[in-house]
PDB file of N, CA and C in Angstrom:
ATOM      1  N   ALA A   1     122.783 141.642  63.423  1.00  0.00           N
ATOM      2  CA  ALA A   1     123.561 140.919  64.435  1.00  0.00           C
ATOM      3  C   ALA A   1     122.618 140.116  65.324  1.00  0.00           C
ATOM      4  N   ASP A   2     123.059 138.953  65.719  1.00  0.00           N
ATOM      5  CA  ASP A   2     122.244 138.086  66.573  1.00  0.00           C
ATOM      6  C   ASP A   2     122.326 138.584  68.013  1.00  0.00           C
ATOM      7  N   PRO A   3     121.209 138.938  68.625  1.00  0.00           N
ATOM      8  CA  PRO A   3     121.237 139.465  69.997  1.00  0.00           C
ATOM      9  C   PRO A   3     121.799 138.473  71.000  1.00  0.00           C
ATOM     10  N   TRP A   4     121.756 137.180  70.672  1.00  0.00           N
ATOM     11  CA  TRP A   4     122.303 136.167  71.577  1.00  0.00           C
ATOM     12  C   TRP A   4     123.797 136.426  71.799  1.00  0.00           C
ATOM     13  N   TYR A   5     124.487 136.852  70.735  1.00  0.00           N
ATOM     14  CA  TYR A   5     125.927 137.088  70.843  1.00  0.00           C
ATOM     15  C   TYR A   5     126.254 138.540  71.169  1.00  0.00           C
ATOM     16  N   SER A   6     125.496 139.471  70.591  1.00  0.00           N
ATOM     17  CA  SER A   6     125.863 140.883  70.717  1.00  0.00           C
ATOM     18  C   SER A   6     125.310 141.519  71.978  1.00  0.00           C
ATOM     19  N   GLY A   7     124.273 140.955  72.568  1.00  0.00           N
ATOM     20  CA  GLY A   7     123.612 141.603  73.693  1.00  0.00           C
ATOM     21  C   GLY A   7     123.700 140.801  74.970  1.00  0.00           C
ATOM     22  N   GLU A   8     122.652 140.045  75.252  1.00  0.00           N
ATOM     23  CA  GLU A   8     122.552 139.355  76.534  1.00  0.00           C
ATOM     24  C   GLU A   8     123.696 138.370  76.740  1.00  0.00           C
ATOM     25  N   PHE A   9     124.093 137.677  75.683  1.00  0.00           N
ATOM     26  CA  PHE A   9     125.152 136.679  75.834  1.00  0.00           C
ATOM     27  C   PHE A   9     126.448 137.326  76.311  1.00  0.00           C
ATOM     28  N   GLN A  10     126.786 138.489  75.758  1.00  0.00           N
ATOM     29  CA  GLN A  10     128.025 139.164  76.144  1.00  0.00           C
ATOM     30  C   GLN A  10     127.995 139.529  77.619  1.00  0.00           C
ATOM     31  N   ALA A  11     126.887 140.087  78.077  1.00  0.00           N
ATOM     32  CA  ALA A  11     126.772 140.479  79.482  1.00  0.00           C
ATOM     33  C   ALA A  11     126.852 139.249  80.379  1.00  0.00           C
ATOM     34  N   CYS A  12     126.198 138.171  79.981  1.00  0.00           N
ATOM     35  CA  CYS A  12     126.204 136.944  80.770  1.00  0.00           C
ATOM     36  C   CYS A  12     127.617 136.374  80.803  1.00  0.00           C
ATOM     37  N   TYR A  13     128.296 136.377  79.668  1.00  0.00           N
ATOM     38  CA  TYR A  13     129.652 135.844  79.602  1.00  0.00           C
ATOM     39  C   TYR A  13     130.581 136.611  80.534  1.00  0.00           C
ATOM     40  N   GLU A  14     130.445 137.939  80.550  1.00  0.00           N
ATOM     41  CA  GLU A  14     131.302 138.746  81.420  1.00  0.00           C
ATOM     42  C   GLU A  14     131.045 138.413  82.880  1.00  0.00           C
ATOM     43  N   ASP A  15     129.775 138.196  83.241  1.00  0.00           N
ATOM     44  CA  ASP A  15     129.451 137.832  84.624  1.00  0.00           C
ATOM     45  C   ASP A  15     130.089 136.498  84.982  1.00  0.00           C
ATOM     46  N   ILE A  16     130.060 135.548  84.038  1.00  0.00           N
ATOM     47  CA  ILE A  16     130.636 134.229  84.295  1.00  0.00           C
ATOM     48  C   ILE A  16     132.150 134.353  84.493  1.00  0.00           C
ATOM     49  N   VAL A  17     132.802 135.122  83.641  1.00  0.00           N
ATOM     50  CA  VAL A  17     134.254 135.296  83.749  1.00  0.00           C
ATOM     51  C   VAL A  17     134.607 135.911  85.094  1.00  0.00           C
ATOM     52  N   GLU A  18     133.876 136.959  85.487  1.00  0.00           N
ATOM     53  CA  GLU A  18     134.152 137.608  86.770  1.00  0.00           C
ATOM     54  C   GLU A  18     133.925 136.631  87.915  1.00  0.00           C
ATOM     55  N   GLY A  19     132.893 135.819  87.807  1.00  0.00           N
ATOM     56  CA  GLY A  19     132.603 134.849  88.854  1.00  0.00           C
ATOM     57  C   GLY A  19     133.712 133.816  88.964  1.00  0.00           C
ATOM     58  N   CYS A  20     134.222 133.359  87.825  1.00  0.00           N
ATOM     59  CA  CYS A  20     135.295 132.369  87.840  1.00  0.00           C
ATOM     60  C   CYS A  20     136.559 132.964  88.437  1.00  0.00           C
ATOM     61  N   GLU A  21     136.879 134.206  88.070  1.00  0.00           N
ATOM     62  CA  GLU A  21     138.086 134.833  88.606  1.00  0.00           C
ATOM     63  C   GLU A  21     137.972 134.995  90.111  1.00  0.00           C
ATOM     64  N   GLY A  22     136.806 135.423  90.585  1.00  0.00           N
ATOM     65  CA  GLY A  22     136.602 135.587  92.017  1.00  0.00           C
ATOM     66  C   GLY A  22     136.699 134.257  92.738  1.00  0.00           C
ATOM     67  N   PHE A  23     136.163 133.208  92.111  1.00  0.00           N
ATOM     68  CA  PHE A  23     136.209 131.875  92.711  1.00  0.00           C
ATOM     69  C   PHE A  23     137.648 131.401  92.867  1.00  0.00           C
ATOM     70  N   TRP A  24     138.452 131.568  91.812  1.00  0.00           N
ATOM     71  CA  TRP A  24     139.835 131.091  91.875  1.00  0.00           C
ATOM     72  C   TRP A  24     140.654 131.899  92.859  1.00  0.00           C
ATOM     73  N   LYS A  25     140.386 133.214  92.950  1.00  0.00           N
ATOM     74  CA  LYS A  25     141.110 134.030  93.930  1.00  0.00           C
ATOM     75  C   LYS A  25     140.802 133.541  95.339  1.00  0.00           C
ATOM     76  N   LYS A  26     139.539 133.206  95.586  1.00  0.00           N
ATOM     77  CA  LYS A  26     139.151 132.717  96.904  1.00  0.00           C
ATOM     78  C   LYS A  26     139.833 131.380  97.193  1.00  0.00           C
ATOM     79  N   VAL A  27     139.885 130.508  96.200  1.00  0.00           N
ATOM     80  CA  VAL A  27     140.507 129.196  96.386  1.00  0.00           C
ATOM     81  C   VAL A  27     141.998 129.360  96.702  1.00  0.00           C
ATOM     82  N   LYS A  28     142.675 130.239  95.983  1.00  0.00           N
ATOM     83  CA  LYS A  28     144.112 130.417  96.184  1.00  0.00           C
ATOM     84  C   LYS A  28     144.410 130.998  97.559  1.00  0.00           C
ATOM     85  N   MET A  29     143.513 131.839  98.080  1.00  0.00           N
ATOM     86  CA  MET A  29     143.751 132.466  99.378  1.00  0.00           C
ATOM     87  C   MET A  29     143.592 131.473 100.519  1.00  0.00           C
ATOM     88  N   GLU A  30     142.793 130.454 100.339  1.00  0.00           N
ATOM     89  CA  GLU A  30     142.544 129.505 101.425  1.00  0.00           C
ATOM     90  C   GLU A  30     143.695 128.511 101.575  1.00  0.00           C
TER      91      GLU A  30
END
């Protein structure tokens, strides 16, 4: 398995998703 997809990439992707969700929640609250 390519570590880019199975390892670091997955963790990075999850951080990005969480960041986007937090950003949109903040935008909607304002």
